[in-house]
Amino acid sequence: SRDDLWSHRYLLPGVRFAVDAYVNFCRTQPWPIAIAASL
């Protein structure tokens, strides 16, 4: 269900940690380096 996804019912800690690390990387690194990570 959509609620399963939006509520993060099945979200694993390791997945949350990895994704949050990526967002934090893009917030804190110079923009050309953040763009390079998207490659």
Full PDB file with SEQRES, HELIX, SHEET, SSBOND, CRYST1, ORIGX, SCALE, CONECT and MASTER records, all heavy atoms in Angstrom:
SEQRES   1 A   39  SER ARG ASP ASP LEU TRP SER HIS ARG TYR LEU LEU PRO          
SEQRES   2 A   39  GLY VAL ARG PHE ALA VAL ASP ALA TYR VAL ASN PHE CYS          
SEQRES   3 A   39  ARG THR GLN PRO TRP PRO ILE ALA ILE ALA ALA SER LEU          
HELIX    1 AA1 ARG A    2  TRP A    6  1                                   5    
HELIX    2 AA2 PRO A   13  THR A   28  1                                  16    
HELIX    3 AA3 TRP A   31  ALA A   37  1                                   7    
CRYST1    1.000    1.000    1.000  90.00  90.00  90.00 P 1           1          
ORIGX1      1.000000  0.000000  0.000000        0.00000                         
ORIGX2      0.000000  1.000000  0.000000        0.00000                         
ORIGX3      0.000000  0.000000  1.000000        0.00000                         
SCALE1      1.000000  0.000000  0.000000        0.00000                         
SCALE2      0.000000  1.000000  0.000000        0.00000                         
SCALE3      0.000000  0.000000  1.000000        0.00000                         
ATOM      1  N   SER A   1       0.836  -1.190   0.000  1.00  0.00           N  
ATOM      2  CA  SER A   1       0.000   0.000   0.000  1.00  0.00           C  
ATOM      3  C   SER A   1       0.877   1.248   0.000  1.00  0.00           C  
ATOM      4  O   SER A   1       2.051   1.201   0.383  1.00  0.00           O  
ATOM      5  CB  SER A   1      -0.909   0.015   1.228  1.00  0.00           C  
ATOM      6  OG  SER A   1      -0.162   0.286   2.403  1.00  0.00           O  
ATOM      7  N   ARG A   2       0.291   2.355  -0.390  1.00  0.00           N  
ATOM      8  CA  ARG A   2       1.019   3.619  -0.335  1.00  0.00           C  
ATOM      9  C   ARG A   2       1.425   3.951   1.100  1.00  0.00           C  
ATOM     10  O   ARG A   2       2.515   4.486   1.335  1.00  0.00           O  
ATOM     11  CB  ARG A   2       0.173   4.745  -0.926  1.00  0.00           C  
ATOM     12  CG  ARG A   2       0.013   4.642  -2.435  1.00  0.00           C  
ATOM     13  CD  ARG A   2      -0.972   5.646  -2.993  1.00  0.00           C  
ATOM     14  NE  ARG A   2      -1.007   5.487  -4.439  1.00  0.00           N  
ATOM     15  CZ  ARG A   2      -0.579   6.411  -5.310  1.00  0.00           C  
ATOM     16  NH1 ARG A   2      -0.114   7.565  -4.875  1.00  0.00           N  
ATOM     17  NH2 ARG A   2      -0.627   6.185  -6.611  1.00  0.00           N  
ATOM     18  N   ASP A   3       0.551   3.644   2.032  1.00  0.00           N  
ATOM     19  CA  ASP A   3       0.872   3.926   3.428  1.00  0.00           C  
ATOM     20  C   ASP A   3       2.060   3.102   3.903  1.00  0.00           C  
ATOM     21  O   ASP A   3       2.852   3.566   4.729  1.00  0.00           O  
ATOM     22  CB  ASP A   3      -0.350   3.644   4.309  1.00  0.00           C  
ATOM     23  CG  ASP A   3      -0.092   4.040   5.752  1.00  0.00           C  
ATOM     24  OD1 ASP A   3       0.131   5.239   6.008  1.00  0.00           O  
ATOM     25  OD2 ASP A   3      -0.096   3.151   6.624  1.00  0.00           O  
ATOM     26  N   ASP A   4       2.215   1.879   3.390  1.00  0.00           N  
ATOM     27  CA  ASP A   4       3.384   1.077   3.737  1.00  0.00           C  
ATOM     28  C   ASP A   4       4.665   1.836   3.411  1.00  0.00           C  
ATOM     29  O   ASP A   4       5.641   1.786   4.178  1.00  0.00           O  
ATOM     30  CB  ASP A   4       3.385  -0.245   2.958  1.00  0.00           C  
ATOM     31  CG  ASP A   4       2.350  -1.235   3.454  1.00  0.00           C  
ATOM     32  OD1 ASP A   4       1.999  -1.182   4.644  1.00  0.00           O  
ATOM     33  OD2 ASP A   4       1.894  -2.065   2.643  1.00  0.00           O  
ATOM     34  N   LEU A   5       4.661   2.533   2.265  1.00  0.00           N  
ATOM     35  CA  LEU A   5       5.861   3.243   1.834  1.00  0.00           C  
ATOM     36  C   LEU A   5       6.022   4.578   2.553  1.00  0.00           C  
ATOM     37  O   LEU A   5       7.089   4.879   3.088  1.00  0.00           O  
ATOM     38  CB  LEU A   5       5.841   3.439   0.314  1.00  0.00           C  
ATOM     39  CG  LEU A   5       6.480   2.290  -0.483  1.00  0.00           C  
ATOM     40  CD1 LEU A   5       5.703   0.989  -0.294  1.00  0.00           C  
ATOM     41  CD2 LEU A   5       6.567   2.634  -1.971  1.00  0.00           C  
ATOM     42  N   TRP A   6       4.957   5.369   2.590  1.00  0.00           N  
ATOM     43  CA  TRP A   6       5.075   6.694   3.210  1.00  0.00           C  
ATOM     44  C   TRP A   6       5.348   6.592   4.710  1.00  0.00           C  
ATOM     45  O   TRP A   6       6.026   7.458   5.281  1.00  0.00           O  
ATOM     46  CB  TRP A   6       3.813   7.505   2.975  1.00  0.00           C  
ATOM     47  CG  TRP A   6       3.682   8.080   1.603  1.00  0.00           C  
ATOM     48  CD1 TRP A   6       2.709   7.827   0.699  1.00  0.00           C  
ATOM     49  CD2 TRP A   6       4.559   9.029   0.981  1.00  0.00           C  
ATOM     50  NE1 TRP A   6       2.918   8.543  -0.464  1.00  0.00           N  
ATOM     51  CE2 TRP A   6       4.036   9.292  -0.312  1.00  0.00           C  
ATOM     52  CE3 TRP A   6       5.718   9.681   1.377  1.00  0.00           C  
ATOM     53  CZ2 TRP A   6       4.646  10.174  -1.203  1.00  0.00           C  
ATOM     54  CZ3 TRP A   6       6.330  10.558   0.492  1.00  0.00           C  
ATOM     55  CH2 TRP A   6       5.798  10.799  -0.778  1.00  0.00           C  
ATOM     56  N   SER A   7       4.838   5.566   5.354  1.00  0.00           N  
ATOM     57  CA  SER A   7       5.058   5.401   6.790  1.00  0.00           C  
ATOM     58  C   SER A   7       6.400   4.760   7.117  1.00  0.00           C  
ATOM     59  O   SER A   7       6.779   4.671   8.281  1.00  0.00           O  
ATOM     60  CB  SER A   7       3.941   4.541   7.393  1.00  0.00           C  
ATOM     61  OG  SER A   7       4.030   3.199   6.925  1.00  0.00           O  
ATOM     62  N   HIS A   8       7.116   4.312   6.071  1.00  0.00           N  
ATOM     63  CA  HIS A   8       8.402   3.629   6.255  1.00  0.00           C  
ATOM     64  C   HIS A   8       8.248   2.375   7.119  1.00  0.00           C  
ATOM     65  O   HIS A   8       9.143   2.026   7.894  1.00  0.00           O  
ATOM     66  CB  HIS A   8       9.450   4.567   6.858  1.00  0.00           C  
ATOM     67  CG  HIS A   8       9.678   5.802   6.046  1.00  0.00           C  
ATOM     68  ND1 HIS A   8      10.106   6.987   6.602  1.00  0.00           N  
ATOM     69  CD2 HIS A   8       9.531   6.038   4.714  1.00  0.00           C  
ATOM     70  CE1 HIS A   8      10.225   7.908   5.656  1.00  0.00           C  
ATOM     71  NE2 HIS A   8       9.883   7.349   4.497  1.00  0.00           N  
ATOM     72  N   ARG A   9       7.143   1.712   6.930  1.00  0.00           N  
ATOM     73  CA  ARG A   9       6.822   0.533   7.737  1.00  0.00           C  
ATOM     74  C   ARG A   9       7.903  -0.539   7.647  1.00  0.00           C  
ATOM     75  O   ARG A   9       8.210  -1.213   8.632  1.00  0.00           O  
ATOM     76  CB  ARG A   9       5.474  -0.024   7.282  1.00  0.00           C  
ATOM     77  CG  ARG A   9       5.024  -1.283   8.018  1.00  0.00           C  
ATOM     78  CD  ARG A   9       3.684  -1.765   7.477  1.00  0.00           C  
ATOM     79  NE  ARG A   9       3.245  -2.975   8.142  1.00  0.00           N  
ATOM     80  CZ  ARG A   9       2.174  -3.672   7.764  1.00  0.00           C  
ATOM     81  NH1 ARG A   9       1.444  -3.262   6.732  1.00  0.00           N  
ATOM     82  NH2 ARG A   9       1.844  -4.769   8.404  1.00  0.00           N  
ATOM     83  N   TYR A  10       8.482  -0.709   6.473  1.00  0.00           N  
ATOM     84  CA  TYR A  10       9.471  -1.763   6.266  1.00  0.00           C  
ATOM     85  C   TYR A  10      10.887  -1.209   6.065  1.00  0.00           C  
ATOM     86  O   TYR A  10      11.776  -1.946   5.664  1.00  0.00           O  
ATOM     87  CB  TYR A  10       9.079  -2.607   5.054  1.00  0.00           C  
ATOM     88  CG  TYR A  10       7.733  -3.272   5.210  1.00  0.00           C  
ATOM     89  CD1 TYR A  10       6.664  -2.899   4.407  1.00  0.00           C  
ATOM     90  CD2 TYR A  10       7.525  -4.255   6.177  1.00  0.00           C  
ATOM     91  CE1 TYR A  10       5.421  -3.504   4.553  1.00  0.00           C  
ATOM     92  CE2 TYR A  10       6.291  -4.861   6.330  1.00  0.00           C  
ATOM     93  CZ  TYR A  10       5.243  -4.478   5.518  1.00  0.00           C  
ATOM     94  OH  TYR A  10       4.014  -5.072   5.662  1.00  0.00           O  
ATOM     95  N   LEU A  11      11.087   0.078   6.354  1.00  0.00           N  
ATOM     96  CA  LEU A  11      12.396   0.689   6.121  1.00  0.00           C  
ATOM     97  C   LEU A  11      13.427   0.138   7.092  1.00  0.00           C  
ATOM     98  O   LEU A  11      13.242   0.173   8.316  1.00  0.00           O  
ATOM     99  CB  LEU A  11      12.295   2.206   6.266  1.00  0.00           C  
ATOM    100  CG  LEU A  11      13.590   2.992   6.072  1.00  0.00           C  
ATOM    101  CD1 LEU A  11      14.169   2.764   4.676  1.00  0.00           C  
ATOM    102  CD2 LEU A  11      13.340   4.482   6.317  1.00  0.00           C  
ATOM    103  N   LEU A  12      14.516  -0.362   6.546  1.00  0.00           N  
ATOM    104  CA  LEU A  12      15.585  -0.943   7.339  1.00  0.00           C  
ATOM    105  C   LEU A  12      16.547   0.138   7.828  1.00  0.00           C  
ATOM    106  O   LEU A  12      16.822   1.099   7.098  1.00  0.00           O  
ATOM    107  CB  LEU A  12      16.353  -1.965   6.510  1.00  0.00           C  
ATOM    108  CG  LEU A  12      15.530  -3.149   6.004  1.00  0.00           C  
ATOM    109  CD1 LEU A  12      16.294  -3.894   4.921  1.00  0.00           C  
ATOM    110  CD2 LEU A  12      15.178  -4.088   7.159  1.00  0.00           C  
ATOM    111  N   PRO A  13      17.101  -0.004   9.031  1.00  0.00           N  
ATOM    112  CA  PRO A  13      18.042   0.997   9.532  1.00  0.00           C  
ATOM    113  C   PRO A  13      19.238   1.213   8.606  1.00  0.00           C  
ATOM    114  O   PRO A  13      19.683   2.350   8.425  1.00  0.00           O  
ATOM    115  CB  PRO A  13      18.482   0.419  10.885  1.00  0.00           C  
ATOM    116  CG  PRO A  13      17.348  -0.446  11.311  1.00  0.00           C  
ATOM    117  CD  PRO A  13      16.795  -1.035  10.048  1.00  0.00           C  
ATOM    118  N   GLY A  14      19.750   0.121   8.017  1.00  0.00           N  
ATOM    119  CA  GLY A  14      20.903   0.265   7.137  1.00  0.00           C  
ATOM    120  C   GLY A  14      20.592   1.061   5.889  1.00  0.00           C  
ATOM    121  O   GLY A  14      21.435   1.829   5.399  1.00  0.00           O  
ATOM    122  N   VAL A  15      19.387   0.896   5.359  1.00  0.00           N  
ATOM    123  CA  VAL A  15      18.973   1.663   4.180  1.00  0.00           C  
ATOM    124  C   VAL A  15      18.780   3.125   4.554  1.00  0.00           C  
ATOM    125  O   VAL A  15      19.230   4.032   3.841  1.00  0.00           O  
ATOM    126  CB  VAL A  15      17.688   1.070   3.571  1.00  0.00           C  
ATOM    127  CG1 VAL A  15      17.153   1.965   2.460  1.00  0.00           C  
ATOM    128  CG2 VAL A  15      17.963  -0.331   3.028  1.00  0.00           C  
ATOM    129  N   ARG A  16      18.115   3.377   5.676  1.00  0.00           N  
ATOM    130  CA  ARG A  16      17.940   4.767   6.130  1.00  0.00           C  
ATOM    131  C   ARG A  16      19.291   5.448   6.321  1.00  0.00           C  
ATOM    132  O   ARG A  16      19.488   6.600   5.895  1.00  0.00           O  
ATOM    133  CB  ARG A  16      17.152   4.802   7.444  1.00  0.00           C  
ATOM    134  CG  ARG A  16      16.855   6.220   7.921  1.00  0.00           C  
ATOM    135  CD  ARG A  16      16.344   6.227   9.357  1.00  0.00           C  
ATOM    136  NE  ARG A  16      15.037   5.630   9.492  1.00  0.00           N  
ATOM    137  CZ  ARG A  16      13.889   6.279   9.312  1.00  0.00           C  
ATOM    138  NH1 ARG A  16      13.909   7.548   8.955  1.00  0.00           N  
ATOM    139  NH2 ARG A  16      12.736   5.651   9.487  1.00  0.00           N  
ATOM    140  N   PHE A  17      20.220   4.752   6.945  1.00  0.00           N  
ATOM    141  CA  PHE A  17      21.537   5.328   7.214  1.00  0.00           C  
ATOM    142  C   PHE A  17      22.253   5.679   5.905  1.00  0.00           C  
ATOM    143  O   PHE A  17      22.841   6.758   5.773  1.00  0.00           O  
ATOM    144  CB  PHE A  17      22.379   4.334   8.025  1.00  0.00           C  
ATOM    145  CG  PHE A  17      23.719   4.862   8.436  1.00  0.00           C  
ATOM    146  CD1 PHE A  17      23.856   5.619   9.592  1.00  0.00           C  
ATOM    147  CD2 PHE A  17      24.847   4.616   7.667  1.00  0.00           C  
ATOM    148  CE1 PHE A  17      25.097   6.114   9.976  1.00  0.00           C  
ATOM    149  CE2 PHE A  17      26.091   5.107   8.042  1.00  0.00           C  
ATOM    150  CZ  PHE A  17      26.217   5.861   9.193  1.00  0.00           C  
ATOM    151  N   ALA A  18      22.209   4.770   4.936  1.00  0.00           N  
ATOM    152  CA  ALA A  18      22.898   4.999   3.665  1.00  0.00           C  
ATOM    153  C   ALA A  18      22.302   6.174   2.911  1.00  0.00           C  
ATOM    154  O   ALA A  18      23.028   7.042   2.400  1.00  0.00           O  
ATOM    155  CB  ALA A  18      22.840   3.725   2.816  1.00  0.00           C  
ATOM    156  N   VAL A  19      20.989   6.240   2.825  1.00  0.00           N  
ATOM    157  CA  VAL A  19      20.341   7.322   2.083  1.00  0.00           C  
ATOM    158  C   VAL A  19      20.567   8.659   2.780  1.00  0.00           C  
ATOM    159  O   VAL A  19      20.875   9.670   2.124  1.00  0.00           O  
ATOM    160  CB  VAL A  19      18.838   7.038   1.914  1.00  0.00           C  
ATOM    161  CG1 VAL A  19      18.127   8.237   1.280  1.00  0.00           C  
ATOM    162  CG2 VAL A  19      18.621   5.798   1.059  1.00  0.00           C  
ATOM    163  N   ASP A  20      20.436   8.686   4.097  1.00  0.00           N  
ATOM    164  CA  ASP A  20      20.678   9.932   4.827  1.00  0.00           C  
ATOM    165  C   ASP A  20      22.119  10.399   4.647  1.00  0.00           C  
ATOM    166  O   ASP A  20      22.384  11.609   4.572  1.00  0.00           O  
ATOM    167  CB  ASP A  20      20.367   9.746   6.314  1.00  0.00           C  
ATOM    168  CG  ASP A  20      18.875   9.619   6.604  1.00  0.00           C  
ATOM    169  OD1 ASP A  20      18.063   9.802   5.669  1.00  0.00           O  
ATOM    170  OD2 ASP A  20      18.522   9.314   7.761  1.00  0.00           O  
ATOM    171  N   ALA A  21      23.046   9.457   4.568  1.00  0.00           N  
ATOM    172  CA  ALA A  21      24.452   9.824   4.343  1.00  0.00           C  
ATOM    173  C   ALA A  21      24.633  10.478   2.976  1.00  0.00           C  
ATOM    174  O   ALA A  21      25.426  11.422   2.826  1.00  0.00           O  
ATOM    175  CB  ALA A  21      25.336   8.586   4.460  1.00  0.00           C  
ATOM    176  N   TYR A  22      23.903   9.979   1.986  1.00  0.00           N  
ATOM    177  CA  TYR A  22      23.989  10.565   0.640  1.00  0.00           C  
ATOM    178  C   TYR A  22      23.430  11.981   0.628  1.00  0.00           C  
ATOM    179  O   TYR A  22      24.041  12.903   0.065  1.00  0.00           O  
ATOM    180  CB  TYR A  22      23.234   9.679  -0.345  1.00  0.00           C  
ATOM    181  CG  TYR A  22      23.279  10.158  -1.772  1.00  0.00           C  
ATOM    182  CD1 TYR A  22      24.427  10.711  -2.323  1.00  0.00           C  
ATOM    183  CD2 TYR A  22      22.155  10.039  -2.599  1.00  0.00           C  
ATOM    184  CE1 TYR A  22      24.470  11.140  -3.640  1.00  0.00           C  
ATOM    185  CE2 TYR A  22      22.188  10.457  -3.915  1.00  0.00           C  
ATOM    186  CZ  TYR A  22      23.346  11.010  -4.431  1.00  0.00           C  
ATOM    187  OH  TYR A  22      23.371  11.436  -5.732  1.00  0.00           O  
ATOM    188  N   VAL A  23      22.274  12.190   1.246  1.00  0.00           N  
ATOM    189  CA  VAL A  23      21.695  13.529   1.291  1.00  0.00           C  
ATOM    190  C   VAL A  23      22.628  14.482   2.035  1.00  0.00           C  
ATOM    191  O   VAL A  23      22.863  15.616   1.589  1.00  0.00           O  
ATOM    192  CB  VAL A  23      20.308  13.494   1.965  1.00  0.00           C  
ATOM    193  CG1 VAL A  23      19.763  14.914   2.150  1.00  0.00           C  
ATOM    194  CG2 VAL A  23      19.325  12.666   1.127  1.00  0.00           C  
ATOM    195  N   ASN A  24      23.196  14.039   3.145  1.00  0.00           N  
ATOM    196  CA  ASN A  24      24.120  14.881   3.906  1.00  0.00           C  
ATOM    197  C   ASN A  24      25.370  15.199   3.090  1.00  0.00           C  
ATOM    198  O   ASN A  24      25.896  16.324   3.152  1.00  0.00           O  
ATOM    199  CB  ASN A  24      24.494  14.182   5.210  1.00  0.00           C  
ATOM    200  CG  ASN A  24      25.334  15.060   6.110  1.00  0.00           C  
ATOM    201  OD1 ASN A  24      24.907  16.138   6.531  1.00  0.00           O  
ATOM    202  ND2 ASN A  24      26.552  14.629   6.413  1.00  0.00           N  
ATOM    203  N   PHE A  25      25.850  14.230   2.325  1.00  0.00           N  
ATOM    204  CA  PHE A  25      27.004  14.464   1.454  1.00  0.00           C  
ATOM    205  C   PHE A  25      26.705  15.584   0.475  1.00  0.00           C  
ATOM    206  O   PHE A  25      27.517  16.497   0.275  1.00  0.00           O  
ATOM    207  CB  PHE A  25      27.323  13.166   0.703  1.00  0.00           C  
ATOM    208  CG  PHE A  25      28.511  13.245  -0.204  1.00  0.00           C  
ATOM    209  CD1 PHE A  25      29.779  12.944   0.255  1.00  0.00           C  
ATOM    210  CD2 PHE A  25      28.363  13.602  -1.539  1.00  0.00           C  
ATOM    211  CE1 PHE A  25      30.893  13.008  -0.586  1.00  0.00           C  
ATOM    212  CE2 PHE A  25      29.455  13.666  -2.386  1.00  0.00           C  
ATOM    213  CZ  PHE A  25      30.722  13.370  -1.912  1.00  0.00           C  
ATOM    214  N   CYS A  26      25.534  15.541  -0.144  1.00  0.00           N  
ATOM    215  CA  CYS A  26      25.184  16.549  -1.144  1.00  0.00           C  
ATOM    216  C   CYS A  26      24.937  17.919  -0.522  1.00  0.00           C  
ATOM    217  O   CYS A  26      25.108  18.939  -1.190  1.00  0.00           O  
ATOM    218  CB  CYS A  26      23.955  16.097  -1.931  1.00  0.00           C  
ATOM    219  SG  CYS A  26      24.273  14.668  -2.989  1.00  0.00           S  
ATOM    220  N   ARG A  27      24.563  17.941   0.744  1.00  0.00           N  
ATOM    221  CA  ARG A  27      24.377  19.217   1.442  1.00  0.00           C  
ATOM    222  C   ARG A  27      25.699  19.858   1.818  1.00  0.00           C  
ATOM    223  O   ARG A  27      25.811  21.081   1.880  1.00  0.00           O  
ATOM    224  CB  ARG A  27      23.553  18.991   2.717  1.00  0.00           C  
ATOM    225  CG  ARG A  27      22.066  18.827   2.486  1.00  0.00           C  
ATOM    226  CD  ARG A  27      21.335  18.601   3.794  1.00  0.00           C  
ATOM    227  NE  ARG A  27      19.891  18.547   3.588  1.00  0.00           N  
ATOM    228  CZ  ARG A  27      19.059  17.783   4.269  1.00  0.00           C  
ATOM    229  NH1 ARG A  27      19.538  16.984   5.215  1.00  0.00           N  
ATOM    230  NH2 ARG A  27      17.766  17.802   4.023  1.00  0.00           N  
ATOM    231  N   THR A  28      26.713  19.050   2.092  1.00  0.00           N  
ATOM    232  CA  THR A  28      27.933  19.565   2.711  1.00  0.00           C  
ATOM    233  C   THR A  28      29.124  19.643   1.768  1.00  0.00           C  
ATOM    234  O   THR A  28      30.100  20.336   2.073  1.00  0.00           O  
ATOM    235  CB  THR A  28      28.324  18.699   3.922  1.00  0.00           C  
ATOM    236  OG1 THR A  28      28.494  17.333   3.512  1.00  0.00           O  
ATOM    237  CG2 THR A  28      27.235  18.759   4.993  1.00  0.00           C  
ATOM    238  N   GLN A  29      29.076  18.951   0.642  1.00  0.00           N  
ATOM    239  CA  GLN A  29      30.183  18.968  -0.296  1.00  0.00           C  
ATOM    240  C   GLN A  29      30.003  20.089  -1.332  1.00  0.00           C  
ATOM    241  O   GLN A  29      28.883  20.520  -1.599  1.00  0.00           O  
ATOM    242  CB  GLN A  29      30.281  17.630  -1.023  1.00  0.00           C  
ATOM    243  CG  GLN A  29      30.697  16.483  -0.142  1.00  0.00           C  
ATOM    244  CD  GLN A  29      32.102  16.654   0.401  1.00  0.00           C  
ATOM    245  OE1 GLN A  29      33.040  16.903  -0.349  1.00  0.00           O  
ATOM    246  NE2 GLN A  29      32.253  16.510   1.716  1.00  0.00           N  
ATOM    247  N   PRO A  30      31.086  20.563  -1.930  1.00  0.00           N  
ATOM    248  CA  PRO A  30      30.950  21.528  -3.031  1.00  0.00           C  
ATOM    249  C   PRO A  30      30.056  20.958  -4.128  1.00  0.00           C  
ATOM    250  O   PRO A  30      30.092  19.758  -4.411  1.00  0.00           O  
ATOM    251  CB  PRO A  30      32.397  21.706  -3.510  1.00  0.00           C  
ATOM    252  CG  PRO A  30      33.247  21.326  -2.347  1.00  0.00           C  
ATOM    253  CD  PRO A  30      32.506  20.243  -1.631  1.00  0.00           C  
ATOM    254  N   TRP A  31      29.261  21.821  -4.753  1.00  0.00           N  
ATOM    255  CA  TRP A  31      28.254  21.325  -5.689  1.00  0.00           C  
ATOM    256  C   TRP A  31      28.836  20.500  -6.831  1.00  0.00           C  
ATOM    257  O   TRP A  31      28.200  19.512  -7.253  1.00  0.00           O  
ATOM    258  CB  TRP A  31      27.391  22.483  -6.213  1.00  0.00           C  
ATOM    259  CG  TRP A  31      28.129  23.501  -7.046  1.00  0.00           C  
ATOM    260  CD1 TRP A  31      28.694  24.662  -6.611  1.00  0.00           C  
ATOM    261  CD2 TRP A  31      28.369  23.432  -8.448  1.00  0.00           C  
ATOM    262  NE1 TRP A  31      29.299  25.324  -7.654  1.00  0.00           N  
ATOM    263  CE2 TRP A  31      29.098  24.597  -8.801  1.00  0.00           C  
ATOM    264  CE3 TRP A  31      28.048  22.527  -9.444  1.00  0.00           C  
ATOM    265  CZ2 TRP A  31      29.508  24.861 -10.113  1.00  0.00           C  
ATOM    266  CZ3 TRP A  31      28.450  22.785 -10.750  1.00  0.00           C  
ATOM    267  CH2 TRP A  31      29.172  23.937 -11.074  1.00  0.00           C  
ATOM    268  N   PRO A  32      30.031  20.805  -7.393  1.00  0.00           N  
ATOM    269  CA  PRO A  32      30.525  19.928  -8.469  1.00  0.00           C  
ATOM    270  C   PRO A  32      30.803  18.503  -7.987  1.00  0.00           C  
ATOM    271  O   PRO A  32      30.639  17.548  -8.748  1.00  0.00           O  
ATOM    272  CB  PRO A  32      31.817  20.617  -8.934  1.00  0.00           C  
ATOM    273  CG  PRO A  32      31.704  22.027  -8.466  1.00  0.00           C  
ATOM    274  CD  PRO A  32      30.962  21.931  -7.179  1.00  0.00           C  
ATOM    275  N   ILE A  33      31.208  18.364  -6.734  1.00  0.00           N  
ATOM    276  CA  ILE A  33      31.485  17.037  -6.189  1.00  0.00           C  
ATOM    277  C   ILE A  33      30.180  16.295  -5.926  1.00  0.00           C  
ATOM    278  O   ILE A  33      30.071  15.079  -6.165  1.00  0.00           O  
ATOM    279  CB  ILE A  33      32.324  17.156  -4.898  1.00  0.00           C  
ATOM    280  CG1 ILE A  33      33.620  17.939  -5.169  1.00  0.00           C  
ATOM    281  CG2 ILE A  33      32.628  15.778  -4.332  1.00  0.00           C  
ATOM    282  CD1 ILE A  33      34.456  17.391  -6.316  1.00  0.00           C  
ATOM    283  N   ALA A  34      29.168  16.998  -5.438  1.00  0.00           N  
ATOM    284  CA  ALA A  34      27.854  16.376  -5.251  1.00  0.00           C  
ATOM    285  C   ALA A  34      27.269  15.921  -6.584  1.00  0.00           C  
ATOM    286  O   ALA A  34      26.660  14.843  -6.668  1.00  0.00           O  
ATOM    287  CB  ALA A  34      26.908  17.353  -4.559  1.00  0.00           C  
ATOM    288  N   ILE A  35      27.455  16.710  -7.615  1.00  0.00           N  
ATOM    289  CA  ILE A  35      26.990  16.300  -8.948  1.00  0.00           C  
ATOM    290  C   ILE A  35      27.742  15.061  -9.412  1.00  0.00           C  
ATOM    291  O   ILE A  35      27.158  14.134  -9.981  1.00  0.00           O  
ATOM    292  CB  ILE A  35      27.147  17.462  -9.948  1.00  0.00           C  
ATOM    293  CG1 ILE A  35      26.035  18.495  -9.714  1.00  0.00           C  
ATOM    294  CG2 ILE A  35      27.130  16.967 -11.394  1.00  0.00           C  
ATOM    295  CD1 ILE A  35      26.104  19.710 -10.622  1.00  0.00           C  
ATOM    296  N   ALA A  36      29.034  15.015  -9.155  1.00  0.00           N  
ATOM    297  CA  ALA A  36      29.823  13.845  -9.559  1.00  0.00           C  
ATOM    298  C   ALA A  36      29.312  12.577  -8.890  1.00  0.00           C  
ATOM    299  O   ALA A  36      29.325  11.493  -9.490  1.00  0.00           O  
ATOM    300  CB  ALA A  36      31.300  14.066  -9.221  1.00  0.00           C  
ATOM    301  N   ALA A  37      28.829  12.692  -7.653  1.00  0.00           N  
ATOM    302  CA  ALA A  37      28.296  11.519  -6.965  1.00  0.00           C  
ATOM    303  C   ALA A  37      27.070  10.953  -7.665  1.00  0.00           C  
ATOM    304  O   ALA A  37      26.768   9.767  -7.551  1.00  0.00           O  
ATOM    305  CB  ALA A  37      27.958  11.871  -5.518  1.00  0.00           C  
ATOM    306  N   SER A  38      26.372  11.807  -8.401  1.00  0.00           N  
ATOM    307  CA  SER A  38      25.166  11.351  -9.109  1.00  0.00           C  
ATOM    308  C   SER A  38      25.492  10.552 -10.359  1.00  0.00           C  
ATOM    309  O   SER A  38      24.574  10.011 -10.999  1.00  0.00           O  
ATOM    310  CB  SER A  38      24.303  12.562  -9.506  1.00  0.00           C  
ATOM    311  OG  SER A  38      24.854  13.224 -10.646  1.00  0.00           O  
ATOM    312  N   LEU A  39      26.748  10.456 -10.726  1.00  0.00           N  
ATOM    313  CA  LEU A  39      27.114   9.843 -12.007  1.00  0.00           C  
ATOM    314  C   LEU A  39      26.977   8.326 -12.035  1.00  0.00           C  
ATOM    315  O   LEU A  39      27.333   7.698 -13.032  1.00  0.00           O  
ATOM    316  CB  LEU A  39      28.538  10.255 -12.401  1.00  0.00           C  
ATOM    317  CG  LEU A  39      28.690  11.708 -12.846  1.00  0.00           C  
ATOM    318  CD1 LEU A  39      30.135  12.017 -13.220  1.00  0.00           C  
ATOM    319  CD2 LEU A  39      27.783  12.014 -14.029  1.00  0.00           C  
TER     320      LEU A  39                                                      
MASTER        0    0    0    3    0    0    0    6  319    1    0    3          
END                                                                             
